[in-house]
């Protein structure tokens, strides 16, 4: 059985990368940066912390 844990959306608006993350635990949040790697790192760290504390 599959269960959706979170939804992640990556966008680019001009020179800004945007990540929108939605989960039951953390709700909706958004990250912005001029660097895609920085946005990706922020999302990874946030989700790791969220799901480590949920166990």
PDB file of N, CA and C in Angstrom:
ATOM      1  N   UNK A   1       0.832  -1.175   0.000  1.00  0.00           N
ATOM      2  CA  UNK A   1       0.000   0.000   0.000  1.00  0.00           C
ATOM      3  C   UNK A   1       0.885   1.251   0.000  1.00  0.00           C
ATOM      4  N   UNK A   2       0.590   2.181  -0.886  1.00  0.00           N
ATOM      5  CA  UNK A   2       1.344   3.426  -0.979  1.00  0.00           C
ATOM      6  C   UNK A   2       0.669   4.522  -0.177  1.00  0.00           C
ATOM      7  N   UNK A   3       1.503   5.374   0.385  1.00  0.00           N
ATOM      8  CA  UNK A   3       1.007   6.515   1.150  1.00  0.00           C
ATOM      9  C   UNK A   3       1.844   7.728   0.772  1.00  0.00           C
ATOM     10  N   UNK A   4       1.193   8.798   0.395  1.00  0.00           N
ATOM     11  CA  UNK A   4       1.902  10.028   0.063  1.00  0.00           C
ATOM     12  C   UNK A   4       2.367  10.700   1.346  1.00  0.00           C
ATOM     13  N   UNK A   5       3.675  10.926   1.445  1.00  0.00           N
ATOM     14  CA  UNK A   5       4.242  11.565   2.633  1.00  0.00           C
ATOM     15  C   UNK A   5       4.333  13.075   2.470  1.00  0.00           C
ATOM     16  N   UNK A   6       4.651  13.517   1.248  1.00  0.00           N
ATOM     17  CA  UNK A   6       4.747  14.947   0.998  1.00  0.00           C
ATOM     18  C   UNK A   6       4.695  15.215  -0.501  1.00  0.00           C
ATOM     19  N   UNK A   7       4.411  16.444  -0.829  1.00  0.00           N
ATOM     20  CA  UNK A   7       4.452  16.906  -2.215  1.00  0.00           C
ATOM     21  C   UNK A   7       5.509  17.989  -2.306  1.00  0.00           C
ATOM     22  N   UNK A   8       6.354  17.903  -3.336  1.00  0.00           N
ATOM     23  CA  UNK A   8       7.410  18.888  -3.536  1.00  0.00           C
ATOM     24  C   UNK A   8       7.305  19.407  -4.962  1.00  0.00           C
ATOM     25  N   UNK A   9       7.329  20.714  -5.106  1.00  0.00           N
ATOM     26  CA  UNK A   9       7.232  21.352  -6.409  1.00  0.00           C
ATOM     27  C   UNK A   9       8.393  22.322  -6.555  1.00  0.00           C
ATOM     28  N   UNK A  10       9.119  22.240  -7.662  1.00  0.00           N
ATOM     29  CA  UNK A  10      10.227  23.158  -7.942  1.00  0.00           C
ATOM     30  C   UNK A  10       9.842  24.045  -9.118  1.00  0.00           C
ATOM     31  N   UNK A  11      10.070  25.343  -8.946  1.00  0.00           N
ATOM     32  CA  UNK A  11       9.745  26.323  -9.975  1.00  0.00           C
ATOM     33  C   UNK A  11      10.932  27.246 -10.203  1.00  0.00           C
ATOM     34  N   UNK A  12      10.944  27.888 -11.358  1.00  0.00           N
ATOM     35  CA  UNK A  12      11.951  28.917 -11.619  1.00  0.00           C
ATOM     36  C   UNK A  12      11.236  30.150 -12.131  1.00  0.00           C
ATOM     37  N   UNK A  13      11.463  31.275 -11.456  1.00  0.00           N
ATOM     38  CA  UNK A  13      10.859  32.541 -11.821  1.00  0.00           C
ATOM     39  C   UNK A  13      11.989  33.529 -12.053  1.00  0.00           C
ATOM     40  N   UNK A  14      12.247  33.840 -13.293  1.00  0.00           N
ATOM     41  CA  UNK A  14      13.387  34.674 -13.676  1.00  0.00           C
ATOM     42  C   UNK A  14      14.674  34.034 -13.147  1.00  0.00           C
ATOM     43  N   UNK A  15      15.362  34.678 -12.213  1.00  0.00           N
ATOM     44  CA  UNK A  15      16.615  34.138 -11.670  1.00  0.00           C
ATOM     45  C   UNK A  15      16.435  33.550 -10.279  1.00  0.00           C
ATOM     46  N   UNK A  16      15.206  33.266  -9.889  1.00  0.00           N
ATOM     47  CA  UNK A  16      14.924  32.738  -8.553  1.00  0.00           C
ATOM     48  C   UNK A  16      14.334  31.338  -8.659  1.00  0.00           C
ATOM     49  N   UNK A  17      14.911  30.420  -7.889  1.00  0.00           N
ATOM     50  CA  UNK A  17      14.367  29.068  -7.785  1.00  0.00           C
ATOM     51  C   UNK A  17      13.463  29.007  -6.563  1.00  0.00           C
ATOM     52  N   UNK A  18      12.330  28.340  -6.727  1.00  0.00           N
ATOM     53  CA  UNK A  18      11.342  28.247  -5.651  1.00  0.00           C
ATOM     54  C   UNK A  18      11.006  26.781  -5.445  1.00  0.00           C
ATOM     55  N   UNK A  19      10.978  26.367  -4.186  1.00  0.00           N
ATOM     56  CA  UNK A  19      10.529  25.016  -3.837  1.00  0.00           C
ATOM     57  C   UNK A  19       9.334  25.158  -2.918  1.00  0.00           C
ATOM     58  N   UNK A  20       8.250  24.478  -3.256  1.00  0.00           N
ATOM     59  CA  UNK A  20       7.058  24.443  -2.398  1.00  0.00           C
ATOM     60  C   UNK A  20       6.905  23.024  -1.880  1.00  0.00           C
ATOM     61  N   UNK A  21       6.841  22.914  -0.578  1.00  0.00           N
ATOM     62  CA  UNK A  21       6.747  21.617   0.075  1.00  0.00           C
ATOM     63  C   UNK A  21       5.476  21.593   0.912  1.00  0.00           C
ATOM     64  N   UNK A  22       4.710  20.512   0.785  1.00  0.00           N
ATOM     65  CA  UNK A  22       3.515  20.353   1.599  1.00  0.00           C
ATOM     66  C   UNK A  22       3.501  18.946   2.183  1.00  0.00           C
ATOM     67  N   UNK A  23       3.289  18.877   3.509  1.00  0.00           N
ATOM     68  CA  UNK A  23       3.175  17.591   4.196  1.00  0.00           C
ATOM     69  C   UNK A  23       2.180  17.727   5.334  1.00  0.00           C
ATOM     70  N   UNK A  24       1.691  16.600   5.804  1.00  0.00           N
ATOM     71  CA  UNK A  24       0.746  16.625   6.927  1.00  0.00           C
ATOM     72  C   UNK A  24       1.398  17.176   8.185  1.00  0.00           C
ATOM     73  N   UNK A  25       2.652  16.835   8.410  1.00  0.00           N
ATOM     74  CA  UNK A  25       3.338  17.266   9.631  1.00  0.00           C
ATOM     75  C   UNK A  25       3.743  18.731   9.585  1.00  0.00           C
ATOM     76  N   UNK A  26       4.322  19.159   8.474  1.00  0.00           N
ATOM     77  CA  UNK A  26       4.890  20.504   8.385  1.00  0.00           C
ATOM     78  C   UNK A  26       4.017  21.526   7.699  1.00  0.00           C
ATOM     79  N   UNK A  27       2.910  21.090   7.103  1.00  0.00           N
ATOM     80  CA  UNK A  27       2.058  22.014   6.370  1.00  0.00           C
ATOM     81  C   UNK A  27       2.719  22.476   5.083  1.00  0.00           C
ATOM     82  N   UNK A  28       2.304  23.642   4.606  1.00  0.00           N
ATOM     83  CA  UNK A  28       2.853  24.207   3.369  1.00  0.00           C
ATOM     84  C   UNK A  28       3.956  25.187   3.709  1.00  0.00           C
ATOM     85  N   UNK A  29       5.092  25.074   3.031  1.00  0.00           N
ATOM     86  CA  UNK A  29       6.174  26.041   3.193  1.00  0.00           C
ATOM     87  C   UNK A  29       6.858  26.237   1.853  1.00  0.00           C
ATOM     88  N   UNK A  30       7.598  27.342   1.748  1.00  0.00           N
ATOM     89  CA  UNK A  30       8.224  27.716   0.489  1.00  0.00           C
ATOM     90  C   UNK A  30       9.654  28.173   0.747  1.00  0.00           C
ATOM     91  N   UNK A  31      10.551  27.794  -0.145  1.00  0.00           N
ATOM     92  CA  UNK A  31      11.965  28.177  -0.060  1.00  0.00           C
ATOM     93  C   UNK A  31      12.332  28.883  -1.358  1.00  0.00           C
ATOM     94  N   UNK A  32      13.168  29.925  -1.251  1.00  0.00           N
ATOM     95  CA  UNK A  32      13.586  30.705  -2.423  1.00  0.00           C
ATOM     96  C   UNK A  32      15.093  30.951  -2.367  1.00  0.00           C
ATOM     97  N   UNK A  33      15.699  30.912  -3.537  1.00  0.00           N
ATOM     98  CA  UNK A  33      17.122  31.231  -3.641  1.00  0.00           C
ATOM     99  C   UNK A  33      17.469  31.437  -5.108  1.00  0.00           C
ATOM    100  N   UNK A  34      18.577  32.118  -5.348  1.00  0.00           N
ATOM    101  CA  UNK A  34      19.072  32.259  -6.720  1.00  0.00           C
ATOM    102  C   UNK A  34      19.842  31.015  -7.151  1.00  0.00           C
ATOM    103  N   UNK A  35      20.080  30.093  -6.219  1.00  0.00           N
ATOM    104  CA  UNK A  35      20.814  28.859  -6.497  1.00  0.00           C
ATOM    105  C   UNK A  35      19.896  27.648  -6.319  1.00  0.00           C
ATOM    106  N   UNK A  36      19.772  26.834  -7.362  1.00  0.00           N
ATOM    107  CA  UNK A  36      18.948  25.629  -7.263  1.00  0.00           C
ATOM    108  C   UNK A  36      19.490  24.682  -6.201  1.00  0.00           C
ATOM    109  N   UNK A  37      20.809  24.550  -6.129  1.00  0.00           N
ATOM    110  CA  UNK A  37      21.424  23.654  -5.146  1.00  0.00           C
ATOM    111  C   UNK A  37      21.074  24.072  -3.721  1.00  0.00           C
ATOM    112  N   UNK A  38      21.038  25.369  -3.474  1.00  0.00           N
ATOM    113  CA  UNK A  38      20.709  25.862  -2.139  1.00  0.00           C
ATOM    114  C   UNK A  38      19.249  25.548  -1.780  1.00  0.00           C
ATOM    115  N   UNK A  39      18.343  25.743  -2.724  1.00  0.00           N
ATOM    116  CA  UNK A  39      16.934  25.421  -2.488  1.00  0.00           C
ATOM    117  C   UNK A  39      16.779  23.925  -2.234  1.00  0.00           C
ATOM    118  N   UNK A  40      17.431  23.113  -3.040  1.00  0.00           N
ATOM    119  CA  UNK A  40      17.353  21.666  -2.880  1.00  0.00           C
ATOM    120  C   UNK A  40      17.893  21.233  -1.519  1.00  0.00           C
ATOM    121  N   UNK A  41      19.004  21.814  -1.108  1.00  0.00           N
ATOM    122  CA  UNK A  41      19.593  21.491   0.198  1.00  0.00           C
ATOM    123  C   UNK A  41      18.651  21.874   1.339  1.00  0.00           C
ATOM    124  N   UNK A  42      17.998  23.027   1.232  1.00  0.00           N
ATOM    125  CA  UNK A  42      17.043  23.451   2.256  1.00  0.00           C
ATOM    126  C   UNK A  42      15.881  22.464   2.373  1.00  0.00           C
ATOM    127  N   UNK A  43      15.374  22.008   1.233  1.00  0.00           N
ATOM    128  CA  UNK A  43      14.264  21.046   1.220  1.00  0.00           C
ATOM    129  C   UNK A  43      14.699  19.725   1.850  1.00  0.00           C
ATOM    130  N   UNK A  44      15.866  19.239   1.469  1.00  0.00           N
ATOM    131  CA  UNK A  44      16.367  17.963   1.997  1.00  0.00           C
ATOM    132  C   UNK A  44      16.527  18.028   3.511  1.00  0.00           C
ATOM    133  N   UNK A  45      17.165  19.078   4.008  1.00  0.00           N
ATOM    134  CA  UNK A  45      17.390  19.218   5.452  1.00  0.00           C
ATOM    135  C   UNK A  45      16.060  19.286   6.190  1.00  0.00           C
ATOM    136  N   UNK A  46      15.134  20.092   5.683  1.00  0.00           N
ATOM    137  CA  UNK A  46      13.839  20.248   6.332  1.00  0.00           C
ATOM    138  C   UNK A  46      13.080  18.921   6.387  1.00  0.00           C
ATOM    139  N   UNK A  47      13.045  18.191   5.285  1.00  0.00           N
ATOM    140  CA  UNK A  47      12.316  16.922   5.260  1.00  0.00           C
ATOM    141  C   UNK A  47      12.998  15.861   6.127  1.00  0.00           C
ATOM    142  N   UNK A  48      14.321  15.840   6.142  1.00  0.00           N
ATOM    143  CA  UNK A  48      15.021  14.895   7.013  1.00  0.00           C
ATOM    144  C   UNK A  48      14.661  15.151   8.472  1.00  0.00           C
ATOM    145  N   UNK A  49      14.705  16.404   8.891  1.00  0.00           N
ATOM    146  CA  UNK A  49      14.373  16.744  10.279  1.00  0.00           C
ATOM    147  C   UNK A  49      12.911  16.404  10.582  1.00  0.00           C
ATOM    148  N   UNK A  50      12.023  16.706   9.655  1.00  0.00           N
ATOM    149  CA  UNK A  50      10.599  16.441   9.875  1.00  0.00           C
ATOM    150  C   UNK A  50      10.317  14.957  10.061  1.00  0.00           C
ATOM    151  N   UNK A  51      10.877  14.123   9.197  1.00  0.00           N
ATOM    152  CA  UNK A  51      10.557  12.701   9.259  1.00  0.00           C
ATOM    153  C   UNK A  51      11.366  11.950  10.309  1.00  0.00           C
ATOM    154  N   UNK A  52      12.520  12.473  10.714  1.00  0.00           N
ATOM    155  CA  UNK A  52      13.269  11.855  11.821  1.00  0.00           C
ATOM    156  C   UNK A  52      12.535  12.051  13.140  1.00  0.00           C
ATOM    157  N   UNK A  53      11.929  13.217  13.336  1.00  0.00           N
ATOM    158  CA  UNK A  53      11.207  13.475  14.580  1.00  0.00           C
ATOM    159  C   UNK A  53       9.835  12.816  14.589  1.00  0.00           C
ATOM    160  N   UNK A  54       9.333  12.410  13.435  1.00  0.00           N
ATOM    161  CA  UNK A  54       7.999  11.801  13.353  1.00  0.00           C
ATOM    162  C   UNK A  54       8.008  10.329  13.718  1.00  0.00           C
ATOM    163  N   UNK A  55       9.180   9.706  13.750  1.00  0.00           N
ATOM    164  CA  UNK A  55       9.251   8.262  14.007  1.00  0.00           C
ATOM    165  C   UNK A  55       8.984   7.937  15.440  1.00  0.00           C
TER     166      UNK A  55
END
